[in-house]
Amino acid sequence: MLNLALSVLCSSLIFVVFKLFGTYKVQSLYAIVVNYFVACICGLLFYEGDVQLGNLTQTGWFYGTFALGVLFITIFNVMAKSSQVNGVAVTSVATKMSLAIPVVFALVVYKESLSFWQGIGILLALGAVYFASIKKKGLVIDPKTLLLPFLVFVGSGVIDTTIKYIQDEFLDESLYPIFSATVFGAAGTTGVIYLLINSRKVPLKLNLKNVVGGICLGIPNYFSIYFLLQALNNPNFNSASIFTINNVAVVMFTTLIGILLFNEKLLPKNWLGVGLAIISILLVALL
């Protein structure tokens, strides 16, 4: 449970850093590309084996992991677009509701079993995500722009599912750092290519604030994945439970951080979401 708690903490710190980007006028896109390379460097530093690209490309997981990195930054850009078009609440719910995809995958493919109360906990988790995220007007989705949150939902779910599959089929614990480094390196490389292509329209403007912001984002980003992999390796919990607890705990924790650090105000239905989150975590983790 310690690894899962640390993954939740690191994931929540990512949201805090994003919040501070606005305060310190950090350009998110540049900082995000820097963040991926910082996270990649973290993986390389913590990897105890020899790093040889030729050997890595011969592994069964390399190309799938590289594709996963490309998906990382692609889905992020879709999330950004969805936030602009549909709103942050809709995008947030679509992102966290995606926990349903790895849970179903674990139940169908890996034949994992859930107790009755764990099943109830997962259903409550979906409700918790919804109520904790909605604002005064609730979730308003224009049918014409429904594709964006749908892509966020599917993409986020595929990312979590792929991480579990690669971890289960190809990795042992010693490979977690180099696996993470490959994912983030691929995401960073994709980001650089995008910036270079886009520079024809918008000149590149990388400044010190963006670099510092990327460093502050990259370190917790790396460890959020590293500790999640460690948690998935725990024989006492199945992956369906891990993904449920992780996603719901992040929603609950970031909501509380918003109150304590940023004086955000919650509606009664938001508090209902926090309460459901606590109950769902207890049901999934303890029963």
Protein backbone atom coordinates (compact mmCIF):
# COMPACT_ATOMS: atom_id res chain seq x y z
CA MET A 1 0.00 0.00 0.00
CA LEU A 2 2.96 2.34 0.55
CA ASN A 3 3.86 2.29 -3.16
CA LEU A 4 0.25 3.03 -4.10
CA ALA A 5 0.10 5.91 -1.60
CA LEU A 6 3.34 7.35 -3.03
CA SER A 7 1.97 7.06 -6.58
CA VAL A 8 -1.17 8.94 -5.52
CA LEU A 9 0.96 11.60 -3.82
CA CYS A 10 3.14 12.10 -6.90
CA SER A 11 0.13 12.19 -9.25
CA SER A 12 -1.49 14.79 -7.01
CA LEU A 13 1.70 16.89 -7.01
CA ILE A 14 1.44 16.99 -10.81
CA PHE A 15 -1.90 18.79 -10.51
CA VAL A 16 -0.41 21.23 -7.98
CA VAL A 17 2.44 22.04 -10.36
CA PHE A 18 -0.02 22.56 -13.22
CA LYS A 19 -2.00 24.92 -10.98
CA LEU A 20 1.16 26.91 -10.24
CA PHE A 21 1.97 27.21 -13.95
CA GLY A 22 -0.80 29.80 -14.23
CA THR A 23 0.48 31.73 -11.21
CA TYR A 24 4.05 31.94 -12.49
CA LYS A 25 3.15 32.37 -16.19
CA VAL A 26 4.78 29.10 -17.25
CA GLN A 27 3.97 28.05 -20.83
CA SER A 28 2.48 24.58 -20.37
CA LEU A 29 3.42 23.05 -23.72
CA TYR A 30 7.12 23.85 -23.42
CA ALA A 31 7.23 22.81 -19.75
CA ILE A 32 5.52 19.52 -20.57
CA VAL A 33 8.10 18.65 -23.23
CA VAL A 34 10.90 19.48 -20.77
CA ASN A 35 9.12 17.43 -18.11
CA TYR A 36 9.22 14.30 -20.26
CA PHE A 37 12.96 14.56 -20.76
CA VAL A 38 13.48 15.19 -17.03
CA ALA A 39 11.40 12.10 -16.25
CA CYS A 40 13.43 10.15 -18.83
CA ILE A 41 16.68 11.23 -17.16
CA CYS A 42 15.30 10.12 -13.79
CA GLY A 43 14.65 6.66 -15.21
CA LEU A 44 18.17 6.45 -16.65
CA LEU A 45 19.70 7.53 -13.34
CA PHE A 46 17.80 4.92 -11.35
CA TYR A 47 18.44 2.10 -13.82
CA GLU A 48 21.31 -0.07 -12.59
CA GLY A 49 22.00 -1.91 -15.86
CA ASP A 50 23.87 -0.82 -18.99
CA VAL A 51 21.87 1.41 -21.32
CA GLN A 52 22.49 0.33 -24.92
CA LEU A 53 19.91 1.37 -27.49
CA GLY A 54 20.73 -1.59 -29.72
CA ASN A 55 19.97 -4.02 -26.91
CA LEU A 56 16.81 -2.18 -25.90
CA THR A 57 15.34 -2.41 -29.38
CA GLN A 58 15.72 -6.20 -29.22
CA THR A 59 13.51 -6.51 -26.16
CA GLY A 60 9.90 -7.60 -26.47
CA TRP A 61 8.61 -4.44 -24.83
CA PHE A 62 10.59 -1.64 -26.52
CA TYR A 63 8.39 -0.75 -29.50
CA GLY A 64 5.16 -1.08 -27.54
CA THR A 65 6.64 1.16 -24.87
CA PHE A 66 7.81 3.70 -27.46
CA ALA A 67 4.30 3.78 -28.94
CA LEU A 68 2.94 4.26 -25.42
CA GLY A 69 5.13 7.34 -25.02
CA VAL A 70 3.76 8.81 -28.25
CA LEU A 71 0.25 8.13 -26.94
CA PHE A 72 1.12 9.93 -23.68
CA ILE A 73 1.70 13.30 -25.30
CA THR A 74 -0.98 12.82 -27.96
CA ILE A 75 -3.69 12.22 -25.36
CA PHE A 76 -2.43 15.15 -23.34
CA ASN A 77 -2.97 17.46 -26.31
CA VAL A 78 -6.44 15.98 -26.82
CA MET A 79 -7.12 16.64 -23.11
CA ALA A 80 -6.01 20.24 -23.53
CA LYS A 81 -8.29 20.71 -26.56
CA SER A 82 -11.20 19.02 -24.78
CA SER A 83 -10.70 21.28 -21.75
CA GLN A 84 -10.97 24.32 -24.02
CA VAL A 85 -14.01 23.08 -25.94
CA ASN A 86 -15.96 21.05 -23.36
CA GLY A 87 -14.56 22.42 -20.10
CA VAL A 88 -12.22 21.12 -17.41
CA ALA A 89 -14.94 19.25 -15.51
CA VAL A 90 -16.00 17.17 -18.53
CA THR A 91 -12.38 16.35 -19.39
CA SER A 92 -11.51 15.49 -15.80
CA VAL A 93 -14.44 13.10 -15.52
CA ALA A 94 -13.58 11.49 -18.88
CA THR A 95 -9.97 11.00 -17.74
CA LYS A 96 -10.77 9.39 -14.40
CA MET A 97 -13.79 7.41 -15.59
CA SER A 98 -11.32 5.66 -17.89
CA LEU A 99 -10.42 3.46 -14.91
CA ALA A 100 -13.28 1.28 -16.17
CA ILE A 101 -11.15 0.15 -19.14
CA PRO A 102 -8.20 -1.40 -17.23
CA VAL A 103 -10.63 -2.82 -14.66
CA VAL A 104 -12.66 -4.60 -17.36
CA PHE A 105 -9.43 -5.72 -19.05
CA ALA A 106 -8.17 -7.23 -15.80
CA LEU A 107 -11.45 -9.03 -15.16
CA VAL A 108 -11.81 -10.40 -18.71
CA VAL A 109 -8.22 -11.08 -19.81
CA TYR A 110 -6.50 -11.89 -16.52
CA LYS A 111 -9.59 -13.49 -14.97
CA GLU A 112 -9.19 -11.43 -11.83
CA SER A 113 -12.03 -11.74 -9.37
CA LEU A 114 -13.74 -9.15 -7.21
CA SER A 115 -15.80 -9.63 -4.11
CA PHE A 116 -19.34 -8.29 -4.05
CA TRP A 117 -18.27 -5.32 -1.93
CA GLN A 118 -15.30 -4.56 -4.17
CA GLY A 119 -17.70 -4.45 -7.12
CA ILE A 120 -19.90 -2.02 -5.21
CA GLY A 121 -16.78 0.00 -4.39
CA ILE A 122 -15.84 0.32 -8.07
CA LEU A 123 -19.36 1.51 -8.95
CA LEU A 124 -19.19 4.04 -6.12
CA ALA A 125 -15.77 5.11 -7.44
CA LEU A 126 -17.33 6.13 -10.76
CA GLY A 127 -19.94 8.13 -8.89
CA ALA A 128 -17.23 9.70 -6.74
CA VAL A 129 -15.32 10.90 -9.81
CA TYR A 130 -18.47 12.45 -11.28
CA PHE A 131 -19.68 14.28 -8.19
CA ALA A 132 -16.20 15.47 -7.15
CA SER A 133 -15.61 17.00 -10.60
CA ILE A 134 -18.86 18.71 -11.55
CA LYS A 135 -19.35 22.43 -11.05
CA LYS A 136 -22.44 24.61 -10.65
CA LYS A 137 -23.89 23.93 -14.07
CA GLY A 138 -22.99 20.25 -14.01
CA LEU A 139 -21.56 18.51 -17.05
CA VAL A 140 -22.72 20.12 -20.27
CA ILE A 141 -21.56 18.33 -23.42
CA ASP A 142 -22.26 19.50 -26.94
CA PRO A 143 -23.01 16.38 -29.03
CA LYS A 144 -20.95 17.93 -31.82
CA THR A 145 -17.84 17.88 -29.63
CA LEU A 146 -18.51 14.56 -27.92
CA LEU A 147 -15.59 12.99 -29.81
CA LEU A 148 -12.97 14.83 -27.75
CA PRO A 149 -13.93 13.57 -24.25
CA PHE A 150 -14.55 10.13 -25.79
CA LEU A 151 -10.98 10.08 -27.12
CA VAL A 152 -9.71 11.21 -23.71
CA PHE A 153 -11.68 8.40 -22.05
CA VAL A 154 -10.43 5.71 -24.45
CA GLY A 155 -6.85 7.03 -24.65
CA SER A 156 -6.41 7.30 -20.89
CA GLY A 157 -7.85 3.84 -20.40
CA VAL A 158 -5.60 2.36 -23.09
CA ILE A 159 -2.54 3.95 -21.45
CA ASP A 160 -3.31 2.38 -18.05
CA THR A 161 -4.18 -0.96 -19.64
CA THR A 162 -1.00 -1.01 -21.73
CA ILE A 163 1.16 -0.19 -18.72
CA LYS A 164 -0.37 -3.14 -16.87
CA TYR A 165 0.04 -5.48 -19.85
CA ILE A 166 3.70 -4.62 -20.47
CA GLN A 167 4.47 -4.77 -16.76
CA ASP A 168 2.87 -8.19 -16.44
CA GLU A 169 4.19 -9.76 -19.64
CA PHE A 170 7.70 -8.33 -20.07
CA LEU A 171 9.08 -6.57 -17.02
CA ASP A 172 10.69 -7.48 -13.76
CA GLU A 173 11.27 -4.91 -11.04
CA SER A 174 14.82 -4.09 -12.18
CA LEU A 175 13.49 -2.90 -15.57
CA TYR A 176 10.93 -0.43 -14.22
CA PRO A 177 13.31 2.59 -14.43
CA ILE A 178 14.41 1.92 -18.03
CA PHE A 179 10.82 1.16 -19.06
CA SER A 180 9.70 4.51 -17.62
CA ALA A 181 12.68 6.28 -19.24
CA THR A 182 11.70 4.84 -22.63
CA VAL A 183 8.06 5.93 -22.27
CA PHE A 184 8.98 9.47 -21.27
CA GLY A 185 11.79 9.71 -23.81
CA ALA A 186 9.37 8.79 -26.61
CA ALA A 187 6.85 11.34 -25.34
CA GLY A 188 9.51 14.04 -25.16
CA THR A 189 10.82 13.27 -28.64
CA THR A 190 7.28 13.43 -30.04
CA GLY A 191 6.83 16.77 -28.29
CA VAL A 192 10.01 18.20 -29.82
CA ILE A 193 8.92 17.09 -33.30
CA TYR A 194 5.54 18.77 -32.75
CA LEU A 195 7.19 22.01 -31.58
CA LEU A 196 9.54 22.06 -34.56
CA ILE A 197 6.67 21.55 -37.00
CA ASN A 198 4.56 24.16 -35.20
CA SER A 199 7.48 26.62 -35.13
CA ARG A 200 6.65 27.55 -38.73
CA LYS A 201 3.55 29.27 -37.34
CA VAL A 202 4.65 30.02 -33.74
CA PRO A 203 8.36 30.76 -33.12
CA LEU A 204 10.01 28.69 -30.39
CA LYS A 205 10.30 30.54 -27.08
CA LEU A 206 11.95 28.36 -24.46
CA ASN A 207 12.81 30.36 -21.34
CA LEU A 208 14.08 29.61 -17.83
CA LYS A 209 10.58 29.57 -16.29
CA ASN A 210 9.48 26.84 -18.68
CA VAL A 211 12.59 24.77 -17.93
CA VAL A 212 12.15 25.09 -14.15
CA GLY A 213 8.46 24.28 -14.51
CA GLY A 214 9.34 21.21 -16.56
CA ILE A 215 11.80 20.03 -13.91
CA CYS A 216 9.24 20.50 -11.14
CA LEU A 217 6.72 18.53 -13.19
CA GLY A 218 9.04 15.81 -14.47
CA ILE A 219 10.24 14.46 -11.12
CA PRO A 220 6.80 13.64 -9.64
CA ASN A 221 5.66 12.50 -13.10
CA TYR A 222 8.41 9.87 -13.21
CA PHE A 223 7.75 8.62 -9.70
CA SER A 224 3.97 8.47 -10.24
CA ILE A 225 4.58 5.80 -12.89
CA TYR A 226 7.42 4.10 -11.02
CA PHE A 227 5.42 3.65 -7.82
CA LEU A 228 2.32 2.60 -9.78
CA LEU A 229 4.37 -0.20 -11.36
CA GLN A 230 5.58 -1.21 -7.92
CA ALA A 231 2.00 -1.24 -6.64
CA LEU A 232 0.84 -3.38 -9.58
CA ASN A 233 3.57 -5.85 -8.61
CA ASN A 234 1.97 -6.37 -5.18
CA PRO A 235 0.56 -9.94 -5.02
CA ASN A 236 -1.92 -8.95 -2.29
CA PHE A 237 -3.95 -6.69 -4.63
CA ASN A 238 -5.27 -7.30 -8.12
CA SER A 239 -4.83 -4.63 -10.79
CA ALA A 240 -8.55 -3.82 -10.89
CA SER A 241 -8.35 -2.75 -7.25
CA ILE A 242 -5.07 -0.87 -7.77
CA PHE A 243 -6.38 1.23 -10.67
CA THR A 244 -9.62 1.99 -8.86
CA ILE A 245 -7.93 3.07 -5.64
CA ASN A 246 -5.28 5.06 -7.52
CA ASN A 247 -7.67 7.07 -9.69
CA VAL A 248 -10.24 7.76 -6.99
CA ALA A 249 -7.61 8.63 -4.38
CA VAL A 250 -6.03 11.14 -6.79
CA VAL A 251 -9.43 12.78 -7.35
CA MET A 252 -10.08 12.93 -3.60
CA PHE A 253 -6.59 14.13 -2.68
CA THR A 254 -6.39 16.83 -5.36
CA THR A 255 -9.82 18.07 -4.31
CA LEU A 256 -8.63 18.42 -0.72
CA ILE A 257 -5.39 20.09 -1.87
CA GLY A 258 -7.47 22.60 -3.82
CA ILE A 259 -9.29 23.51 -0.61
CA LEU A 260 -6.24 23.70 1.64
CA LEU A 261 -3.70 25.35 -0.68
CA PHE A 262 -5.76 27.28 -3.21
CA ASN A 263 -8.89 28.17 -1.19
CA GLU A 264 -11.15 26.46 -3.70
CA LYS A 265 -14.81 26.24 -2.71
CA LEU A 266 -16.70 22.96 -2.94
CA LEU A 267 -20.39 22.51 -3.60
CA PRO A 268 -22.39 19.97 -1.55
CA LYS A 269 -22.28 17.54 -4.48
CA ASN A 270 -18.47 17.86 -4.54
CA TRP A 271 -18.38 16.86 -0.86
CA LEU A 272 -20.65 13.95 -1.76
CA GLY A 273 -18.02 12.90 -4.30
CA VAL A 274 -15.28 13.04 -1.66
CA GLY A 275 -17.41 10.96 0.71
CA LEU A 276 -18.12 8.36 -1.98
CA ALA A 277 -14.40 8.28 -2.80
CA ILE A 278 -13.50 7.44 0.79
CA ILE A 279 -16.16 4.72 0.99
CA SER A 280 -15.14 3.21 -2.38
CA ILE A 281 -11.46 3.07 -1.39
CA LEU A 282 -12.33 1.35 1.89
CA LEU A 283 -14.57 -1.20 0.12
CA VAL A 284 -12.03 -2.00 -2.61
CA ALA A 285 -8.99 -2.08 -0.34
CA LEU A 286 -10.33 -3.83 2.74
CA LEU A 287 -13.16 -6.17 1.65
